[in-house]
Amino acid sequence: MAEKAAILDEQAITRAVTRIAHEIIEKNRGIDQCILVGIKTRGAILAKRLADKIEIIEGKPIKTGELDITLYRDDLQLKNEQGEAYVQQVDIEHDVANQKVILVDDVLYTGRTVRAALDAIMDLGRPSSIQLAVLVDRGHRELPIRPDFVGKNIPTSNEERVVVSMIEKDGTDGVTIHTRTL
């Protein structure tokens, strides 16, 4: 795939994270009863950045967790004896019951990753609410899922791919659109 356009650079990502952090605090009237849950890999990195920013703003830490839903997706066939999909890893040390869970992911596309994360969260308990924060919303939803907090809306075609790079994983921060090369 060839890079078509650079959409967000390091500064733009930092500004988006700061804005989303403020929006989370404002919508929830603080951070009490809130848990940020990052969807691995880059959603977890984004959740850590949001948690750091929220702690600076609020003066206290927000509860956090990570979720790897790779084997929880409905488009995979790996199931246990009860016909349930496997969750590869859940790292949430806090009880989600009666909490406001804010799922965090890098890109929202069809909604299938978020649906799998919702299933995994509900298996852990019944939160009072579940909200969704994404760095990029690229459209093309297949499920009725919408984000509560968005860094940037990027209209794309189905032939394009949005690539998010995070310094912690990729050595650089940025969001680019790539197209298939023939």
C-alpha atoms as a PDB file:
ATOM      1  CA  MET A   1       0.000   0.000   0.000  1.00  0.00           C
ATOM      2  CA  ALA A   2       1.236   3.461  -0.859  1.00  0.00           C
ATOM      3  CA  GLU A   3       0.860   6.462   1.408  1.00  0.00           C
ATOM      4  CA  LYS A   4      -1.751   8.830  -0.018  1.00  0.00           C
ATOM      5  CA  ALA A   5      -1.859  11.557   2.649  1.00  0.00           C
ATOM      6  CA  ALA A   6      -0.594  12.458   6.098  1.00  0.00           C
ATOM      7  CA  ILE A   7      -3.621  13.402   8.211  1.00  0.00           C
ATOM      8  CA  LEU A   8      -2.296  13.955  11.749  1.00  0.00           C
ATOM      9  CA  ASP A   9       1.241  14.621  12.937  1.00  0.00           C
ATOM     10  CA  GLU A  10       2.593  14.372  16.488  1.00  0.00           C
ATOM     11  CA  GLN A  11       1.313  17.816  17.505  1.00  0.00           C
ATOM     12  CA  ALA A  12      -2.157  17.165  16.073  1.00  0.00           C
ATOM     13  CA  ILE A  13      -2.384  13.843  17.947  1.00  0.00           C
ATOM     14  CA  THR A  14      -1.323  15.561  21.187  1.00  0.00           C
ATOM     15  CA  ARG A  15      -3.991  18.251  20.681  1.00  0.00           C
ATOM     16  CA  ALA A  16      -6.633  15.596  19.949  1.00  0.00           C
ATOM     17  CA  VAL A  17      -5.704  13.629  23.094  1.00  0.00           C
ATOM     18  CA  THR A  18      -5.874  16.810  25.192  1.00  0.00           C
ATOM     19  CA  ARG A  19      -9.295  17.717  23.762  1.00  0.00           C
ATOM     20  CA  ILE A  20     -10.684  14.198  24.260  1.00  0.00           C
ATOM     21  CA  ALA A  21      -9.380  14.174  27.857  1.00  0.00           C
ATOM     22  CA  HIS A  22     -11.209  17.437  28.594  1.00  0.00           C
ATOM     23  CA  GLU A  23     -14.377  16.124  26.919  1.00  0.00           C
ATOM     24  CA  ILE A  24     -14.304  12.906  28.990  1.00  0.00           C
ATOM     25  CA  ILE A  25     -13.951  14.909  32.208  1.00  0.00           C
ATOM     26  CA  GLU A  26     -16.710  17.327  31.210  1.00  0.00           C
ATOM     27  CA  LYS A  27     -19.207  14.685  30.050  1.00  0.00           C
ATOM     28  CA  ASN A  28     -18.702  12.585  33.186  1.00  0.00           C
ATOM     29  CA  ARG A  29     -18.527  15.560  35.592  1.00  0.00           C
ATOM     30  CA  GLY A  30     -15.100  14.440  36.747  1.00  0.00           C
ATOM     31  CA  ILE A  31     -13.520  11.006  36.762  1.00  0.00           C
ATOM     32  CA  ASP A  32     -15.148   9.347  39.758  1.00  0.00           C
ATOM     33  CA  GLN A  33     -16.631   5.967  38.778  1.00  0.00           C
ATOM     34  CA  CYS A  34     -14.789   6.101  35.413  1.00  0.00           C
ATOM     35  CA  ILE A  35     -12.502   3.425  33.959  1.00  0.00           C
ATOM     36  CA  LEU A  36     -10.525   3.948  30.735  1.00  0.00           C
ATOM     37  CA  VAL A  37     -10.174   0.634  28.882  1.00  0.00           C
ATOM     38  CA  GLY A  38      -7.820   0.615  25.911  1.00  0.00           C
ATOM     39  CA  ILE A  39      -8.302  -1.899  23.114  1.00  0.00           C
ATOM     40  CA  LYS A  40      -4.881  -3.347  22.313  1.00  0.00           C
ATOM     41  CA  THR A  41      -2.561  -2.385  20.803  1.00  0.00           C
ATOM     42  CA  ARG A  42      -2.768   1.270  19.824  1.00  0.00           C
ATOM     43  CA  GLY A  43      -6.023   1.863  21.698  1.00  0.00           C
ATOM     44  CA  ALA A  44      -4.242   0.824  24.889  1.00  0.00           C
ATOM     45  CA  ILE A  45      -1.425   3.255  24.133  1.00  0.00           C
ATOM     46  CA  LEU A  46      -3.971   5.994  23.471  1.00  0.00           C
ATOM     47  CA  ALA A  47      -5.767   5.160  26.746  1.00  0.00           C
ATOM     48  CA  LYS A  48      -2.459   5.519  28.639  1.00  0.00           C
ATOM     49  CA  ARG A  49      -1.912   8.938  27.076  1.00  0.00           C
ATOM     50  CA  LEU A  50      -5.467   9.979  27.961  1.00  0.00           C
ATOM     51  CA  ALA A  51      -4.985   8.735  31.536  1.00  0.00           C
ATOM     52  CA  ASP A  52      -1.762  10.751  31.867  1.00  0.00           C
ATOM     53  CA  LYS A  53      -3.470  13.885  30.507  1.00  0.00           C
ATOM     54  CA  ILE A  54      -6.529  13.415  32.743  1.00  0.00           C
ATOM     55  CA  GLU A  55      -4.307  13.012  35.798  1.00  0.00           C
ATOM     56  CA  ILE A  56      -2.578  16.309  34.983  1.00  0.00           C
ATOM     57  CA  ILE A  57      -5.937  18.064  34.558  1.00  0.00           C
ATOM     58  CA  GLU A  58      -7.759  16.498  37.529  1.00  0.00           C
ATOM     59  CA  GLY A  59      -4.812  16.086  39.885  1.00  0.00           C
ATOM     60  CA  LYS A  60      -5.623  12.427  40.511  1.00  0.00           C
ATOM     61  CA  PRO A  61      -5.346   9.225  38.469  1.00  0.00           C
ATOM     62  CA  ILE A  62      -8.213   7.659  36.548  1.00  0.00           C
ATOM     63  CA  LYS A  63      -8.702   3.884  36.725  1.00  0.00           C
ATOM     64  CA  THR A  64      -7.442   2.085  33.613  1.00  0.00           C
ATOM     65  CA  GLY A  65      -7.385  -1.317  31.956  1.00  0.00           C
ATOM     66  CA  GLU A  66      -6.529  -3.056  28.699  1.00  0.00           C
ATOM     67  CA  LEU A  67      -8.457  -5.451  26.545  1.00  0.00           C
ATOM     68  CA  ASP A  68      -7.204  -7.677  23.718  1.00  0.00           C
ATOM     69  CA  ILE A  69     -10.251  -8.753  21.722  1.00  0.00           C
ATOM     70  CA  THR A  70      -8.359 -10.426  18.888  1.00  0.00           C
ATOM     71  CA  LEU A  71     -10.064 -13.767  19.462  1.00  0.00           C
ATOM     72  CA  TYR A  72     -13.367 -12.204  20.579  1.00  0.00           C
ATOM     73  CA  ARG A  73     -14.343 -10.897  17.162  1.00  0.00           C
ATOM     74  CA  ASP A  74     -17.378 -12.357  15.410  1.00  0.00           C
ATOM     75  CA  ASP A  75     -15.397 -12.828  12.216  1.00  0.00           C
ATOM     76  CA  LEU A  76     -13.090 -15.406  13.827  1.00  0.00           C
ATOM     77  CA  GLN A  77     -14.078 -19.019  14.305  1.00  0.00           C
ATOM     78  CA  LEU A  78     -12.013 -19.959  17.395  1.00  0.00           C
ATOM     79  CA  LYS A  79     -14.450 -20.915  20.159  1.00  0.00           C
ATOM     80  CA  ASN A  80     -14.348 -22.925  23.376  1.00  0.00           C
ATOM     81  CA  GLU A  81     -16.517 -25.963  24.197  1.00  0.00           C
ATOM     82  CA  GLN A  82     -19.462 -23.703  25.115  1.00  0.00           C
ATOM     83  CA  GLY A  83     -19.289 -21.961  21.733  1.00  0.00           C
ATOM     84  CA  GLU A  84     -17.928 -18.750  23.263  1.00  0.00           C
ATOM     85  CA  ALA A  85     -15.108 -16.789  21.679  1.00  0.00           C
ATOM     86  CA  TYR A  86     -11.830 -16.638  23.546  1.00  0.00           C
ATOM     87  CA  VAL A  87     -10.606 -13.350  25.005  1.00  0.00           C
ATOM     88  CA  GLN A  88      -6.876 -13.307  24.518  1.00  0.00           C
ATOM     89  CA  GLN A  89      -6.116 -10.965  27.410  1.00  0.00           C
ATOM     90  CA  VAL A  90      -8.087  -8.833  29.836  1.00  0.00           C
ATOM     91  CA  ASP A  91      -6.058  -6.604  32.118  1.00  0.00           C
ATOM     92  CA  ILE A  92      -8.680  -4.709  34.109  1.00  0.00           C
ATOM     93  CA  GLU A  93      -7.937  -4.712  37.830  1.00  0.00           C
ATOM     94  CA  HIS A  94     -11.114  -2.820  38.701  1.00  0.00           C
ATOM     95  CA  ASP A  95     -14.686  -4.081  38.958  1.00  0.00           C
ATOM     96  CA  VAL A  96     -16.623  -2.644  36.000  1.00  0.00           C
ATOM     97  CA  ALA A  97     -20.018  -3.072  37.695  1.00  0.00           C
ATOM     98  CA  ASN A  98     -21.772   0.283  38.104  1.00  0.00           C
ATOM     99  CA  GLN A  99     -18.782   2.124  36.616  1.00  0.00           C
ATOM    100  CA  LYS A 100     -18.611   4.381  33.565  1.00  0.00           C
ATOM    101  CA  VAL A 101     -16.372   2.451  31.166  1.00  0.00           C
ATOM    102  CA  ILE A 102     -14.746   4.487  28.418  1.00  0.00           C
ATOM    103  CA  LEU A 103     -13.483   2.185  25.657  1.00  0.00           C
ATOM    104  CA  VAL A 104     -10.542   3.658  23.765  1.00  0.00           C
ATOM    105  CA  ASP A 105      -9.403   2.654  20.281  1.00  0.00           C
ATOM    106  CA  ASP A 106      -7.284   4.190  17.564  1.00  0.00           C
ATOM    107  CA  VAL A 107      -9.589   3.825  14.522  1.00  0.00           C
ATOM    108  CA  LEU A 108     -13.324   3.220  14.292  1.00  0.00           C
ATOM    109  CA  TYR A 109     -14.246   1.585  10.982  1.00  0.00           C
ATOM    110  CA  THR A 110     -16.918  -1.138  10.697  1.00  0.00           C
ATOM    111  CA  GLY A 111     -17.634  -1.291  14.436  1.00  0.00           C
ATOM    112  CA  ARG A 112     -16.791  -4.985  14.789  1.00  0.00           C
ATOM    113  CA  THR A 113     -13.822  -4.417  17.100  1.00  0.00           C
ATOM    114  CA  VAL A 114     -15.952  -2.239  19.373  1.00  0.00           C
ATOM    115  CA  ARG A 115     -18.756  -4.820  19.361  1.00  0.00           C
ATOM    116  CA  ALA A 116     -16.289  -7.481  20.473  1.00  0.00           C
ATOM    117  CA  ALA A 117     -14.983  -5.156  23.210  1.00  0.00           C
ATOM    118  CA  LEU A 118     -18.557  -4.497  24.385  1.00  0.00           C
ATOM    119  CA  ASP A 119     -19.142  -8.246  24.674  1.00  0.00           C
ATOM    120  CA  ALA A 120     -15.912  -8.693  26.641  1.00  0.00           C
ATOM    121  CA  ILE A 121     -16.752  -5.825  29.013  1.00  0.00           C
ATOM    122  CA  MET A 122     -20.275  -7.122  29.621  1.00  0.00           C
ATOM    123  CA  ASP A 123     -18.808 -10.541  30.484  1.00  0.00           C
ATOM    124  CA  LEU A 124     -16.902  -8.821  33.317  1.00  0.00           C
ATOM    125  CA  GLY A 125     -19.945  -7.124  34.843  1.00  0.00           C
ATOM    126  CA  ARG A 126     -22.620  -4.550  34.151  1.00  0.00           C
ATOM    127  CA  PRO A 127     -21.231  -1.025  33.882  1.00  0.00           C
ATOM    128  CA  SER A 128     -23.556   1.930  34.463  1.00  0.00           C
ATOM    129  CA  SER A 129     -22.564   3.141  30.977  1.00  0.00           C
ATOM    130  CA  ILE A 130     -20.084   2.431  28.213  1.00  0.00           C
ATOM    131  CA  GLN A 131     -18.668   5.289  26.164  1.00  0.00           C
ATOM    132  CA  LEU A 132     -16.336   5.188  23.177  1.00  0.00           C
ATOM    133  CA  ALA A 133     -13.310   7.387  22.477  1.00  0.00           C
ATOM    134  CA  VAL A 134     -11.424   7.062  19.186  1.00  0.00           C
ATOM    135  CA  LEU A 135      -8.558   8.966  17.650  1.00  0.00           C
ATOM    136  CA  VAL A 136      -9.960   8.508  14.114  1.00  0.00           C
ATOM    137  CA  ASP A 137     -13.497   7.844  12.881  1.00  0.00           C
ATOM    138  CA  ARG A 138     -13.274   6.823   9.229  1.00  0.00           C
ATOM    139  CA  GLY A 139     -16.923   5.923   8.654  1.00  0.00           C
ATOM    140  CA  HIS A 140     -18.226   2.808   6.835  1.00  0.00           C
ATOM    141  CA  ARG A 141     -20.004   1.359   9.854  1.00  0.00           C
ATOM    142  CA  GLU A 142     -21.573  -2.091   9.547  1.00  0.00           C
ATOM    143  CA  LEU A 143     -23.073  -1.925  13.039  1.00  0.00           C
ATOM    144  CA  PRO A 144     -25.032   0.837  14.819  1.00  0.00           C
ATOM    145  CA  ILE A 145     -22.050   2.064  16.842  1.00  0.00           C
ATOM    146  CA  ARG A 146     -20.927   5.679  17.171  1.00  0.00           C
ATOM    147  CA  PRO A 147     -18.142   7.270  19.201  1.00  0.00           C
ATOM    148  CA  ASP A 148     -18.773   9.695  22.061  1.00  0.00           C
ATOM    149  CA  PHE A 149     -15.341  11.297  21.694  1.00  0.00           C
ATOM    150  CA  VAL A 150     -13.485  11.690  18.364  1.00  0.00           C
ATOM    151  CA  GLY A 151     -10.042  13.079  17.644  1.00  0.00           C
ATOM    152  CA  LYS A 152     -10.676  13.469  13.898  1.00  0.00           C
ATOM    153  CA  ASN A 153     -13.314  12.387  11.400  1.00  0.00           C
ATOM    154  CA  ILE A 154     -11.625  11.241   8.202  1.00  0.00           C
ATOM    155  CA  PRO A 155     -13.864  10.360   5.254  1.00  0.00           C
ATOM    156  CA  THR A 156     -12.304   7.426   3.397  1.00  0.00           C
ATOM    157  CA  SER A 157     -13.186   4.887   0.759  1.00  0.00           C
ATOM    158  CA  ASN A 158     -13.278   1.166   1.480  1.00  0.00           C
ATOM    159  CA  GLU A 159     -10.179   0.773  -0.688  1.00  0.00           C
ATOM    160  CA  GLU A 160      -8.165   3.035   1.594  1.00  0.00           C
ATOM    161  CA  ARG A 161      -6.516   2.115   4.865  1.00  0.00           C
ATOM    162  CA  VAL A 162      -5.989   4.438   7.827  1.00  0.00           C
ATOM    163  CA  VAL A 163      -2.652   3.775   9.524  1.00  0.00           C
ATOM    164  CA  VAL A 164      -2.072   5.079  13.045  1.00  0.00           C
ATOM    165  CA  SER A 165       1.523   5.150  14.268  1.00  0.00           C
ATOM    166  CA  MET A 166       2.301   5.626  17.948  1.00  0.00           C
ATOM    167  CA  ILE A 167       5.807   6.348  19.152  1.00  0.00           C
ATOM    168  CA  GLU A 168       5.555   3.681  21.863  1.00  0.00           C
ATOM    169  CA  LYS A 169       4.970   0.962  19.241  1.00  0.00           C
ATOM    170  CA  ASP A 170       6.107   2.376  15.895  1.00  0.00           C
ATOM    171  CA  GLY A 171       8.821   4.893  16.770  1.00  0.00           C
ATOM    172  CA  THR A 172       6.790   7.864  15.486  1.00  0.00           C
ATOM    173  CA  ASP A 173       3.408   9.511  15.922  1.00  0.00           C
ATOM    174  CA  GLY A 174       1.136  10.056  12.934  1.00  0.00           C
ATOM    175  CA  VAL A 175      -2.002   9.147  11.062  1.00  0.00           C
ATOM    176  CA  THR A 176      -1.817   8.472   7.338  1.00  0.00           C
ATOM    177  CA  ILE A 177      -4.117   7.223   4.609  1.00  0.00           C
ATOM    178  CA  HIS A 178      -2.784   4.517   2.329  1.00  0.00           C
ATOM    179  CA  THR A 179      -4.155   3.237  -0.962  1.00  0.00           C
ATOM    180  CA  ARG A 180      -3.664  -0.064  -2.716  1.00  0.00           C
ATOM    181  CA  THR A 181      -1.044  -0.060  -5.413  1.00  0.00           C
ATOM    182  CA  LEU A 182      -1.697  -2.034  -8.544  1.00  0.00           C
END
